Amino acid sequence: MNLNEYKKHCLETWIYTRYLYTTKEINDNTRALLGLIGETGEVAEVYKKYLRRDFIDIKKRLEQELGDVLYYIMIICNLFNLDINKILELNIKKLKSRKERNKIKSDGDNK
């Protein structure tokens, strides 16, 4: 499956609604961004359990949780009209540039 096919399947399962939580409306953008944060935390939790030597099938669990992370990334791309392929290309270009300039290990956003 390629990324465009995957995105189509993701969009078929996303429920576009507005929820009222106490007095604040939480929109789709907020739900998707919080979902990404939550699922990223789940990836960290799997690895924490692995380090703690809880005998989990780390490969299977990471596949599941990383799939959830990718789901939210695709939803966010759709909500903000972003092209995932362009994001991937820009990221590779940025990483290659950092490596060429020997900045791959430095701190900060704009290296």
PDB file of N, CA and C in Angstrom:
ATOM      1  N   MET A   1       0.842  -1.178   0.000  1.00  0.00           N
ATOM      2  CA  MET A   1       0.000   0.000   0.000  1.00  0.00           C
ATOM      3  C   MET A   1       0.890   1.245   0.000  1.00  0.00           C
ATOM      4  N   ASN A   2       0.552   2.230  -0.804  1.00  0.00           N
ATOM      5  CA  ASN A   2       1.319   3.464  -0.795  1.00  0.00           C
ATOM      6  C   ASN A   2       0.642   4.495   0.115  1.00  0.00           C
ATOM      7  N   LEU A   3       1.317   5.617   0.317  1.00  0.00           N
ATOM      8  CA  LEU A   3       0.816   6.615   1.259  1.00  0.00           C
ATOM      9  C   LEU A   3      -0.509   7.228   0.823  1.00  0.00           C
ATOM     10  N   ASN A   4      -0.708   7.419  -0.460  1.00  0.00           N
ATOM     11  CA  ASN A   4      -1.964   7.989  -0.930  1.00  0.00           C
ATOM     12  C   ASN A   4      -3.140   7.040  -0.692  1.00  0.00           C
ATOM     13  N   GLU A   5      -2.915   5.742  -0.900  1.00  0.00           N
ATOM     14  CA  GLU A   5      -3.957   4.757  -0.607  1.00  0.00           C
ATOM     15  C   GLU A   5      -4.249   4.720   0.888  1.00  0.00           C
ATOM     16  N   TYR A   6      -3.196   4.750   1.678  1.00  0.00           N
ATOM     17  CA  TYR A   6      -3.354   4.733   3.132  1.00  0.00           C
ATOM     18  C   TYR A   6      -4.149   5.957   3.598  1.00  0.00           C
ATOM     19  N   LYS A   7      -3.823   7.116   3.059  1.00  0.00           N
ATOM     20  CA  LYS A   7      -4.534   8.345   3.428  1.00  0.00           C
ATOM     21  C   LYS A   7      -6.025   8.210   3.128  1.00  0.00           C
ATOM     22  N   LYS A   8      -6.347   7.642   1.985  1.00  0.00           N
ATOM     23  CA  LYS A   8      -7.755   7.451   1.618  1.00  0.00           C
ATOM     24  C   LYS A   8      -8.471   6.600   2.662  1.00  0.00           C
ATOM     25  N   HIS A   9      -7.840   5.522   3.091  1.00  0.00           N
ATOM     26  CA  HIS A   9      -8.447   4.664   4.109  1.00  0.00           C
ATOM     27  C   HIS A   9      -8.582   5.396   5.441  1.00  0.00           C
ATOM     28  N   CYS A  10      -7.585   6.201   5.782  1.00  0.00           N
ATOM     29  CA  CYS A  10      -7.655   6.980   7.026  1.00  0.00           C
ATOM     30  C   CYS A  10      -8.843   7.932   6.995  1.00  0.00           C
ATOM     31  N   LEU A  11      -9.013   8.609   5.883  1.00  0.00           N
ATOM     32  CA  LEU A  11     -10.091   9.590   5.773  1.00  0.00           C
ATOM     33  C   LEU A  11     -11.468   8.933   5.831  1.00  0.00           C
ATOM     34  N   GLU A  12     -11.542   7.669   5.420  1.00  0.00           N
ATOM     35  CA  GLU A  12     -12.811   6.954   5.488  1.00  0.00           C
ATOM     36  C   GLU A  12     -13.224   6.653   6.927  1.00  0.00           C
ATOM     37  N   THR A  13     -12.268   6.643   7.838  1.00  0.00           N
ATOM     38  CA  THR A  13     -12.578   6.303   9.230  1.00  0.00           C
ATOM     39  C   THR A  13     -12.628   7.510  10.162  1.00  0.00           C
ATOM     40  N   TRP A  14     -12.163   8.665   9.699  1.00  0.00           N
ATOM     41  CA  TRP A  14     -12.167   9.868  10.543  1.00  0.00           C
ATOM     42  C   TRP A  14     -13.584  10.418  10.608  1.00  0.00           C
ATOM     43  N   ILE A  15     -14.042  10.708  11.805  1.00  0.00           N
ATOM     44  CA  ILE A  15     -15.372  11.270  12.004  1.00  0.00           C
ATOM     45  C   ILE A  15     -15.235  12.769  12.192  1.00  0.00           C
ATOM     46  N   TYR A  16     -15.739  13.525  11.222  1.00  0.00           N
ATOM     47  CA  TYR A  16     -15.671  14.982  11.275  1.00  0.00           C
ATOM     48  C   TYR A  16     -16.843  15.501  12.093  1.00  0.00           C
ATOM     49  N   THR A  17     -16.582  15.774  13.329  1.00  0.00           N
ATOM     50  CA  THR A  17     -17.628  16.313  14.189  1.00  0.00           C
ATOM     51  C   THR A  17     -17.023  17.360  15.104  1.00  0.00           C
ATOM     52  N   ARG A  18     -17.889  18.053  15.769  1.00  0.00           N
ATOM     53  CA  ARG A  18     -17.469  19.004  16.786  1.00  0.00           C
ATOM     54  C   ARG A  18     -17.983  18.471  18.119  1.00  0.00           C
ATOM     55  N   TYR A  19     -17.122  18.436  19.097  1.00  0.00           N
ATOM     56  CA  TYR A  19     -17.510  17.977  20.423  1.00  0.00           C
ATOM     57  C   TYR A  19     -17.543  19.155  21.369  1.00  0.00           C
ATOM     58  N   LEU A  20     -18.486  19.144  22.247  1.00  0.00           N
ATOM     59  CA  LEU A  20     -18.511  20.144  23.307  1.00  0.00           C
ATOM     60  C   LEU A  20     -17.993  19.484  24.572  1.00  0.00           C
ATOM     61  N   TYR A  21     -16.971  20.029  25.118  1.00  0.00           N
ATOM     62  CA  TYR A  21     -16.387  19.508  26.351  1.00  0.00           C
ATOM     63  C   TYR A  21     -16.370  20.656  27.332  1.00  0.00           C
ATOM     64  N   THR A  22     -17.110  20.545  28.370  1.00  0.00           N
ATOM     65  CA  THR A  22     -17.406  21.643  29.291  1.00  0.00           C
ATOM     66  C   THR A  22     -17.929  22.812  28.470  1.00  0.00           C
ATOM     67  N   THR A  23     -17.260  23.930  28.483  1.00  0.00           N
ATOM     68  CA  THR A  23     -17.779  25.083  27.740  1.00  0.00           C
ATOM     69  C   THR A  23     -16.978  25.360  26.485  1.00  0.00           C
ATOM     70  N   LYS A  24     -15.959  24.552  26.181  1.00  0.00           N
ATOM     71  CA  LYS A  24     -15.096  24.828  25.026  1.00  0.00           C
ATOM     72  C   LYS A  24     -15.368  23.830  23.911  1.00  0.00           C
ATOM     73  N   GLU A  25     -15.462  24.355  22.706  1.00  0.00           N
ATOM     74  CA  GLU A  25     -15.609  23.477  21.555  1.00  0.00           C
ATOM     75  C   GLU A  25     -14.232  22.988  21.136  1.00  0.00           C
ATOM     76  N   ILE A  26     -14.142  21.684  20.929  1.00  0.00           N
ATOM     77  CA  ILE A  26     -12.882  21.096  20.471  1.00  0.00           C
ATOM     78  C   ILE A  26     -13.090  20.674  19.029  1.00  0.00           C
ATOM     79  N   ASN A  27     -12.364  21.288  18.103  1.00  0.00           N
ATOM     80  CA  ASN A  27     -12.586  20.995  16.691  1.00  0.00           C
ATOM     81  C   ASN A  27     -11.704  19.861  16.188  1.00  0.00           C
ATOM     82  N   ASP A  28     -11.906  19.524  14.918  1.00  0.00           N
ATOM     83  CA  ASP A  28     -11.166  18.411  14.309  1.00  0.00           C
ATOM     84  C   ASP A  28      -9.661  18.601  14.380  1.00  0.00           C
ATOM     85  N   ASN A  29      -9.193  19.826  14.150  1.00  0.00           N
ATOM     86  CA  ASN A  29      -7.749  20.066  14.204  1.00  0.00           C
ATOM     87  C   ASN A  29      -7.197  19.732  15.583  1.00  0.00           C
ATOM     88  N   THR A  30      -7.873  20.188  16.603  1.00  0.00           N
ATOM     89  CA  THR A  30      -7.428  19.935  17.973  1.00  0.00           C
ATOM     90  C   THR A  30      -7.467  18.448  18.288  1.00  0.00           C
ATOM     91  N   ARG A  31      -8.556  17.793  17.902  1.00  0.00           N
ATOM     92  CA  ARG A  31      -8.656  16.347  18.148  1.00  0.00           C
ATOM     93  C   ARG A  31      -7.531  15.590  17.470  1.00  0.00           C
ATOM     94  N   ALA A  32      -7.221  15.962  16.225  1.00  0.00           N
ATOM     95  CA  ALA A  32      -6.168  15.255  15.489  1.00  0.00           C
ATOM     96  C   ALA A  32      -4.801  15.513  16.110  1.00  0.00           C
ATOM     97  N   LEU A  33      -4.522  16.754  16.468  1.00  0.00           N
ATOM     98  CA  LEU A  33      -3.222  17.077  17.075  1.00  0.00           C
ATOM     99  C   LEU A  33      -3.067  16.402  18.435  1.00  0.00           C
ATOM    100  N   LEU A  34      -4.121  16.404  19.231  1.00  0.00           N
ATOM    101  CA  LEU A  34      -4.052  15.718  20.529  1.00  0.00           C
ATOM    102  C   LEU A  34      -3.946  14.208  20.344  1.00  0.00           C
ATOM    103  N   GLY A  35      -4.603  13.690  19.313  1.00  0.00           N
ATOM    104  CA  GLY A  35      -4.482  12.262  19.006  1.00  0.00           C
ATOM    105  C   GLY A  35      -3.056  11.884  18.670  1.00  0.00           C
ATOM    106  N   LEU A  36      -2.396  12.724  17.876  1.00  0.00           N
ATOM    107  CA  LEU A  36      -0.989  12.470  17.525  1.00  0.00           C
ATOM    108  C   LEU A  36      -0.109  12.481  18.771  1.00  0.00           C
ATOM    109  N   ILE A  37      -0.324  13.449  19.625  1.00  0.00           N
ATOM    110  CA  ILE A  37       0.461  13.523  20.866  1.00  0.00           C
ATOM    111  C   ILE A  37       0.221  12.284  21.719  1.00  0.00           C
ATOM    112  N   GLY A  38      -1.038  11.887  21.849  1.00  0.00           N
ATOM    113  CA  GLY A  38      -1.367  10.709  22.653  1.00  0.00           C
ATOM    114  C   GLY A  38      -0.748   9.435  22.106  1.00  0.00           C
ATOM    115  N   GLU A  39      -0.832   9.254  20.805  1.00  0.00           N
ATOM    116  CA  GLU A  39      -0.280   8.036  20.206  1.00  0.00           C
ATOM    117  C   GLU A  39       1.241   8.026  20.246  1.00  0.00           C
ATOM    118  N   THR A  40       1.859   9.184  20.140  1.00  0.00           N
ATOM    119  CA  THR A  40       3.313   9.264  20.291  1.00  0.00           C
ATOM    120  C   THR A  40       3.706   8.842  21.697  1.00  0.00           C
ATOM    121  N   GLY A  41       2.908   9.251  22.655  1.00  0.00           N
ATOM    122  CA  GLY A  41       3.137   8.807  24.034  1.00  0.00           C
ATOM    123  C   GLY A  41       2.998   7.299  24.175  1.00  0.00           C
ATOM    124  N   GLU A  42       2.071   6.711  23.438  1.00  0.00           N
ATOM    125  CA  GLU A  42       1.908   5.251  23.472  1.00  0.00           C
ATOM    126  C   GLU A  42       3.159   4.550  22.944  1.00  0.00           C
ATOM    127  N   VAL A  43       3.786   5.108  21.912  1.00  0.00           N
ATOM    128  CA  VAL A  43       5.039   4.540  21.396  1.00  0.00           C
ATOM    129  C   VAL A  43       6.096   4.571  22.494  1.00  0.00           C
ATOM    130  N   ALA A  44       6.197   5.690  23.185  1.00  0.00           N
ATOM    131  CA  ALA A  44       7.168   5.808  24.284  1.00  0.00           C
ATOM    132  C   ALA A  44       6.847   4.813  25.395  1.00  0.00           C
ATOM    133  N   GLU A  45       5.584   4.621  25.674  1.00  0.00           N
ATOM    134  CA  GLU A  45       5.163   3.683  26.719  1.00  0.00           C
ATOM    135  C   GLU A  45       5.556   2.245  26.373  1.00  0.00           C
ATOM    136  N   VAL A  46       5.404   1.874  25.113  1.00  0.00           N
ATOM    137  CA  VAL A  46       5.808   0.540  24.675  1.00  0.00           C
ATOM    138  C   VAL A  46       7.305   0.355  24.905  1.00  0.00           C
ATOM    139  N   TYR A  47       8.079   1.342  24.540  1.00  0.00           N
ATOM    140  CA  TYR A  47       9.527   1.233  24.710  1.00  0.00           C
ATOM    141  C   TYR A  47       9.913   1.223  26.185  1.00  0.00           C
ATOM    142  N   LYS A  48       9.212   1.996  26.998  1.00  0.00           N
ATOM    143  CA  LYS A  48       9.474   1.987  28.439  1.00  0.00           C
ATOM    144  C   LYS A  48       9.258   0.589  29.004  1.00  0.00           C
ATOM    145  N   LYS A  49       8.174  -0.054  28.590  1.00  0.00           N
ATOM    146  CA  LYS A  49       7.892  -1.409  29.068  1.00  0.00           C
ATOM    147  C   LYS A  49       8.964  -2.386  28.581  1.00  0.00           C
ATOM    148  N   TYR A  50       9.432  -2.175  27.380  1.00  0.00           N
ATOM    149  CA  TYR A  50      10.502  -3.009  26.834  1.00  0.00           C
ATOM    150  C   TYR A  50      11.770  -2.851  27.675  1.00  0.00           C
ATOM    151  N   LEU A  51      12.120  -1.606  28.009  1.00  0.00           N
ATOM    152  CA  LEU A  51      13.301  -1.355  28.838  1.00  0.00           C
ATOM    153  C   LEU A  51      13.155  -1.939  30.235  1.00  0.00           C
ATOM    154  N   ARG A  52      11.930  -1.936  30.729  1.00  0.00           N
ATOM    155  CA  ARG A  52      11.654  -2.462  32.061  1.00  0.00           C
ATOM    156  C   ARG A  52      11.660  -3.992  32.051  1.00  0.00           C
ATOM    157  N   ARG A  53      11.856  -4.519  30.872  1.00  0.00           N
ATOM    158  CA  ARG A  53      11.915  -5.952  30.651  1.00  0.00           C
ATOM    159  C   ARG A  53      10.574  -6.654  30.876  1.00  0.00           C
ATOM    160  N   ASP A  54       9.491  -5.891  30.674  1.00  0.00           N
ATOM    161  CA  ASP A  54       8.192  -6.544  30.584  1.00  0.00           C
ATOM    162  C   ASP A  54       8.220  -7.285  29.259  1.00  0.00           C
ATOM    163  N   PHE A  55       7.976  -8.535  29.287  1.00  0.00           N
ATOM    164  CA  PHE A  55       8.180  -9.345  28.093  1.00  0.00           C
ATOM    165  C   PHE A  55       7.026  -9.173  27.118  1.00  0.00           C
ATOM    166  N   ILE A  56       7.114  -8.068  26.390  1.00  0.00           N
ATOM    167  CA  ILE A  56       6.119  -7.770  25.375  1.00  0.00           C
ATOM    168  C   ILE A  56       6.717  -8.049  24.007  1.00  0.00           C
ATOM    169  N   ASP A  57       5.839  -8.270  23.046  1.00  0.00           N
ATOM    170  CA  ASP A  57       6.289  -8.412  21.663  1.00  0.00           C
ATOM    171  C   ASP A  57       6.461  -6.997  21.122  1.00  0.00           C
ATOM    172  N   ILE A  58       7.661  -6.446  21.311  1.00  0.00           N
ATOM    173  CA  ILE A  58       7.883  -5.028  20.999  1.00  0.00           C
ATOM    174  C   ILE A  58       7.649  -4.725  19.526  1.00  0.00           C
ATOM    175  N   LYS A  59       8.030  -5.627  18.649  1.00  0.00           N
ATOM    176  CA  LYS A  59       7.832  -5.369  17.221  1.00  0.00           C
ATOM    177  C   LYS A  59       6.347  -5.221  16.911  1.00  0.00           C
ATOM    178  N   LYS A  60       5.545  -6.134  17.402  1.00  0.00           N
ATOM    179  CA  LYS A  60       4.102  -6.086  17.151  1.00  0.00           C
ATOM    180  C   LYS A  60       3.484  -4.835  17.758  1.00  0.00           C
ATOM    181  N   ARG A  61       3.849  -4.516  18.986  1.00  0.00           N
ATOM    182  CA  ARG A  61       3.292  -3.345  19.662  1.00  0.00           C
ATOM    183  C   ARG A  61       3.723  -2.053  18.983  1.00  0.00           C
ATOM    184  N   LEU A  62       4.993  -1.965  18.555  1.00  0.00           N
ATOM    185  CA  LEU A  62       5.448  -0.762  17.850  1.00  0.00           C
ATOM    186  C   LEU A  62       4.740  -0.620  16.510  1.00  0.00           C
ATOM    187  N   GLU A  63       4.540  -1.727  15.815  1.00  0.00           N
ATOM    188  CA  GLU A  63       3.801  -1.655  14.545  1.00  0.00           C
ATOM    189  C   GLU A  63       2.405  -1.082  14.772  1.00  0.00           C
ATOM    190  N   GLN A  64       1.751  -1.531  15.840  1.00  0.00           N
ATOM    191  CA  GLN A  64       0.402  -1.041  16.132  1.00  0.00           C
ATOM    192  C   GLN A  64       0.416   0.445  16.471  1.00  0.00           C
ATOM    193  N   GLU A  65       1.278   0.821  17.379  1.00  0.00           N
ATOM    194  CA  GLU A  65       1.290   2.211  17.845  1.00  0.00           C
ATOM    195  C   GLU A  65       1.807   3.169  16.773  1.00  0.00           C
ATOM    196  N   LEU A  66       2.828   2.762  16.018  1.00  0.00           N
ATOM    197  CA  LEU A  66       3.327   3.615  14.942  1.00  0.00           C
ATOM    198  C   LEU A  66       2.279   3.761  13.837  1.00  0.00           C
ATOM    199  N   GLY A  67       1.481   2.727  13.635  1.00  0.00           N
ATOM    200  CA  GLY A  67       0.364   2.830  12.700  1.00  0.00           C
ATOM    201  C   GLY A  67      -0.618   3.899  13.139  1.00  0.00           C
ATOM    202  N   ASP A  68      -0.890   3.960  14.447  1.00  0.00           N
ATOM    203  CA  ASP A  68      -1.784   4.992  14.975  1.00  0.00           C
ATOM    204  C   ASP A  68      -1.184   6.383  14.821  1.00  0.00           C
ATOM    205  N   VAL A  69       0.131   6.492  15.028  1.00  0.00           N
ATOM    206  CA  VAL A  69       0.812   7.780  14.821  1.00  0.00           C
ATOM    207  C   VAL A  69       0.663   8.206  13.364  1.00  0.00           C
ATOM    208  N   LEU A  70       0.911   7.285  12.455  1.00  0.00           N
ATOM    209  CA  LEU A  70       0.816   7.590  11.033  1.00  0.00           C
ATOM    210  C   LEU A  70      -0.612   7.978  10.650  1.00  0.00           C
ATOM    211  N   TYR A  71      -1.591   7.333  11.257  1.00  0.00           N
ATOM    212  CA  TYR A  71      -2.994   7.672  11.010  1.00  0.00           C
ATOM    213  C   TYR A  71      -3.242   9.149  11.314  1.00  0.00           C
ATOM    214  N   TYR A  72      -2.827   9.596  12.479  1.00  0.00           N
ATOM    215  CA  TYR A  72      -3.057  10.984  12.853  1.00  0.00           C
ATOM    216  C   TYR A  72      -2.244  11.951  11.978  1.00  0.00           C
ATOM    217  N   ILE A  73      -1.060  11.545  11.576  1.00  0.00           N
ATOM    218  CA  ILE A  73      -0.282  12.388  10.665  1.00  0.00           C
ATOM    219  C   ILE A  73      -1.054  12.579   9.357  1.00  0.00           C
ATOM    220  N   MET A  74      -1.625  11.523   8.846  1.00  0.00           N
ATOM    221  CA  MET A  74      -2.388  11.618   7.604  1.00  0.00           C
ATOM    222  C   MET A  74      -3.626  12.488   7.769  1.00  0.00           C
ATOM    223  N   ILE A  75      -4.306  12.359   8.894  1.00  0.00           N
ATOM    224  CA  ILE A  75      -5.489  13.186   9.147  1.00  0.00           C
ATOM    225  C   ILE A  75      -5.082  14.659   9.220  1.00  0.00           C
ATOM    226  N   ILE A  76      -3.988  14.948   9.920  1.00  0.00           N
ATOM    227  CA  ILE A  76      -3.512  16.329  10.037  1.00  0.00           C
ATOM    228  C   ILE A  76      -3.130  16.874   8.671  1.00  0.00           C
ATOM    229  N   CYS A  77      -2.470  16.060   7.860  1.00  0.00           N
ATOM    230  CA  CYS A  77      -2.131  16.492   6.500  1.00  0.00           C
ATOM    231  C   CYS A  77      -3.401  16.875   5.739  1.00  0.00           C
ATOM    232  N   ASN A  78      -4.431  16.087   5.873  1.00  0.00           N
ATOM    233  CA  ASN A  78      -5.678  16.388   5.179  1.00  0.00           C
ATOM    234  C   ASN A  78      -6.332  17.664   5.728  1.00  0.00           C
ATOM    235  N   LEU A  79      -6.386  17.784   7.033  1.00  0.00           N
ATOM    236  CA  LEU A  79      -7.038  18.946   7.640  1.00  0.00           C
ATOM    237  C   LEU A  79      -6.350  20.256   7.279  1.00  0.00           C
ATOM    238  N   PHE A  80      -5.031  20.220   7.131  1.00  0.00           N
ATOM    239  CA  PHE A  80      -4.276  21.429   6.820  1.00  0.00           C
ATOM    240  C   PHE A  80      -3.863  21.497   5.348  1.00  0.00           C
ATOM    241  N   ASN A  81      -4.425  20.576   4.542  1.00  0.00           N
ATOM    242  CA  ASN A  81      -4.147  20.532   3.105  1.00  0.00           C
ATOM    243  C   ASN A  81      -2.642  20.443   2.821  1.00  0.00           C
ATOM    244  N   LEU A  82      -1.994  19.510   3.492  1.00  0.00           N
ATOM    245  CA  LEU A  82      -0.564  19.276   3.323  1.00  0.00           C
ATOM    246  C   LEU A  82      -0.346  18.020   2.498  1.00  0.00           C
ATOM    247  N   ASP A  83       0.678  18.020   1.679  1.00  0.00           N
ATOM    248  CA  ASP A  83       1.026  16.875   0.846  1.00  0.00           C
ATOM    249  C   ASP A  83       2.088  16.053   1.570  1.00  0.00           C
ATOM    250  N   ILE A  84       1.740  14.837   1.963  1.00  0.00           N
ATOM    251  CA  ILE A  84       2.665  13.990   2.723  1.00  0.00           C
ATOM    252  C   ILE A  84       3.933  13.713   1.929  1.00  0.00           C
ATOM    253  N   ASN A  85       3.821  13.557   0.626  1.00  0.00           N
ATOM    254  CA  ASN A  85       5.011  13.291  -0.186  1.00  0.00           C
ATOM    255  C   ASN A  85       5.954  14.489  -0.186  1.00  0.00           C
ATOM    256  N   LYS A  86       5.400  15.685  -0.233  1.00  0.00           N
ATOM    257  CA  LYS A  86       6.227  16.890  -0.165  1.00  0.00           C
ATOM    258  C   LYS A  86       6.908  16.990   1.197  1.00  0.00           C
ATOM    259  N   ILE A  87       6.179  16.641   2.254  1.00  0.00           N
ATOM    260  CA  ILE A  87       6.753  16.664   3.604  1.00  0.00           C
ATOM    261  C   ILE A  87       7.942  15.714   3.683  1.00  0.00           C
ATOM    262  N   LEU A  88       7.790  14.528   3.132  1.00  0.00           N
ATOM    263  CA  LEU A  88       8.877  13.547   3.143  1.00  0.00           C
ATOM    264  C   LEU A  88      10.082  14.056   2.366  1.00  0.00           C
ATOM    265  N   GLU A  89       9.831  14.632   1.199  1.00  0.00           N
ATOM    266  CA  GLU A  89      10.926  15.163   0.378  1.00  0.00           C
ATOM    267  C   GLU A  89      11.656  16.298   1.095  1.00  0.00           C
ATOM    268  N   LEU A  90      10.896  17.219   1.701  1.00  0.00           N
ATOM    269  CA  LEU A  90      11.508  18.334   2.423  1.00  0.00           C
ATOM    270  C   LEU A  90      12.327  17.841   3.613  1.00  0.00           C
ATOM    271  N   ASN A  91      11.823  16.812   4.291  1.00  0.00           N
ATOM    272  CA  ASN A  91      12.536  16.288   5.444  1.00  0.00           C
ATOM    273  C   ASN A  91      13.859  15.651   5.039  1.00  0.00           C
ATOM    274  N   ILE A  92      13.850  14.872   3.962  1.00  0.00           N
ATOM    275  CA  ILE A  92      15.091  14.258   3.481  1.00  0.00           C
ATOM    276  C   ILE A  92      16.076  15.337   3.058  1.00  0.00           C
ATOM    277  N   LYS A  93      15.596  16.351   2.351  1.00  0.00           N
ATOM    278  CA  LYS A  93      16.454  17.452   1.926  1.00  0.00           C
ATOM    279  C   LYS A  93      17.079  18.143   3.141  1.00  0.00           C
ATOM    280  N   LYS A  94      16.282  18.390   4.170  1.00  0.00           N
ATOM    281  CA  LYS A  94      16.771  19.030   5.388  1.00  0.00           C
ATOM    282  C   LYS A  94      17.830  18.168   6.075  1.00  0.00           C
ATOM    283  N   LEU A  95      17.566  16.871   6.187  1.00  0.00           N
ATOM    284  CA  LEU A  95      18.512  15.973   6.858  1.00  0.00           C
ATOM    285  C   LEU A  95      19.822  15.846   6.080  1.00  0.00           C
ATOM    286  N   LYS A  96      19.727  15.758   4.753  1.00  0.00           N
ATOM    287  CA  LYS A  96      20.945  15.689   3.934  1.00  0.00           C
ATOM    288  C   LYS A  96      21.768  16.961   4.089  1.00  0.00           C
ATOM    289  N   SER A  97      21.093  18.089   4.110  1.00  0.00           N
ATOM    290  CA  SER A  97      21.792  19.368   4.272  1.00  0.00           C
ATOM    291  C   SER A  97      22.504  19.429   5.624  1.00  0.00           C
ATOM    292  N   ARG A  98      21.824  18.983   6.664  1.00  0.00           N
ATOM    293  CA  ARG A  98      22.452  18.967   7.988  1.00  0.00           C
ATOM    294  C   ARG A  98      23.674  18.070   8.003  1.00  0.00           C
ATOM    295  N   LYS A  99      23.557  16.908   7.391  1.00  0.00           N
ATOM    296  CA  LYS A  99      24.691  15.978   7.357  1.00  0.00           C
ATOM    297  C   LYS A  99      25.862  16.585   6.593  1.00  0.00           C
ATOM    298  N   GLU A 100      25.576  17.194   5.446  1.00  0.00           N
ATOM    299  CA  GLU A 100      26.634  17.811   4.640  1.00  0.00           C
ATOM    300  C   GLU A 100      27.335  18.938   5.401  1.00  0.00           C
ATOM    301  N   ARG A 101      26.596  19.652   6.222  1.00  0.00           N
ATOM    302  CA  ARG A 101      27.157  20.769   6.987  1.00  0.00           C
ATOM    303  C   ARG A 101      27.643  20.327   8.371  1.00  0.00           C
ATOM    304  N   ASN A 102      27.629  19.008   8.620  1.00  0.00           N
ATOM    305  CA  ASN A 102      28.048  18.445   9.899  1.00  0.00           C
ATOM    306  C   ASN A 102      27.236  19.023  11.064  1.00  0.00           C
ATOM    307  N   LYS A 103      25.936  19.177  10.848  1.00  0.00           N
ATOM    308  CA  LYS A 103      25.026  19.725  11.860  1.00  0.00           C
ATOM    309  C   LYS A 103      23.974  18.703  12.273  1.00  0.00           C
ATOM    310  N   ILE A 104      24.173  17.460  11.914  1.00  0.00           N
ATOM    311  CA  ILE A 104      23.182  16.435  12.171  1.00  0.00           C
ATOM    312  C   ILE A 104      22.981  16.179  13.662  1.00  0.00           C
ATOM    313  N   LYS A 105      23.977  16.482  14.481  1.00  0.00           N
ATOM    314  CA  LYS A 105      23.897  16.231  15.922  1.00  0.00           C
ATOM    315  C   LYS A 105      23.649  17.487  16.740  1.00  0.00           C
ATOM    316  N   SER A 106      23.498  18.630  16.099  1.00  0.00           N
ATOM    317  CA  SER A 106      23.371  19.871  16.863  1.00  0.00           C
ATOM    318  C   SER A 106      21.941  20.083  17.343  1.00  0.00           C
ATOM    319  N   ASP A 107      21.787  21.066  18.225  1.00  0.00           N
ATOM    320  CA  ASP A 107      20.492  21.388  18.803  1.00  0.00           C
ATOM    321  C   ASP A 107      19.834  22.525  18.033  1.00  0.00           C
ATOM    322  N   GLY A 108      18.536  22.638  18.194  1.00  0.00           N
ATOM    323  CA  GLY A 108      17.815  23.752  17.595  1.00  0.00           C
ATOM    324  C   GLY A 108      17.013  23.352  16.398  1.00  0.00           C
ATOM    325  N   ASP A 109      16.083  24.214  16.003  1.00  0.00           N
ATOM    326  CA  ASP A 109      15.182  23.916  14.903  1.00  0.00           C
ATOM    327  C   ASP A 109      15.791  24.194  13.541  1.00  0.00           C
ATOM    328  N   ASN A 110      16.483  25.310  13.393  1.00  0.00           N
ATOM    329  CA  ASN A 110      17.026  25.701  12.090  1.00  0.00           C
ATOM    330  C   ASN A 110      18.542  25.580  12.112  1.00  0.00           C
ATOM    331  N   LYS A 111      18.992  24.387  11.801  1.00  0.00           N
ATOM    332  CA  LYS A 111      20.441  24.115  11.897  1.00  0.00           C
ATOM    333  C   LYS A 111      21.141  24.445  10.610  1.00  0.00           C
TER     334      LYS A 111
END
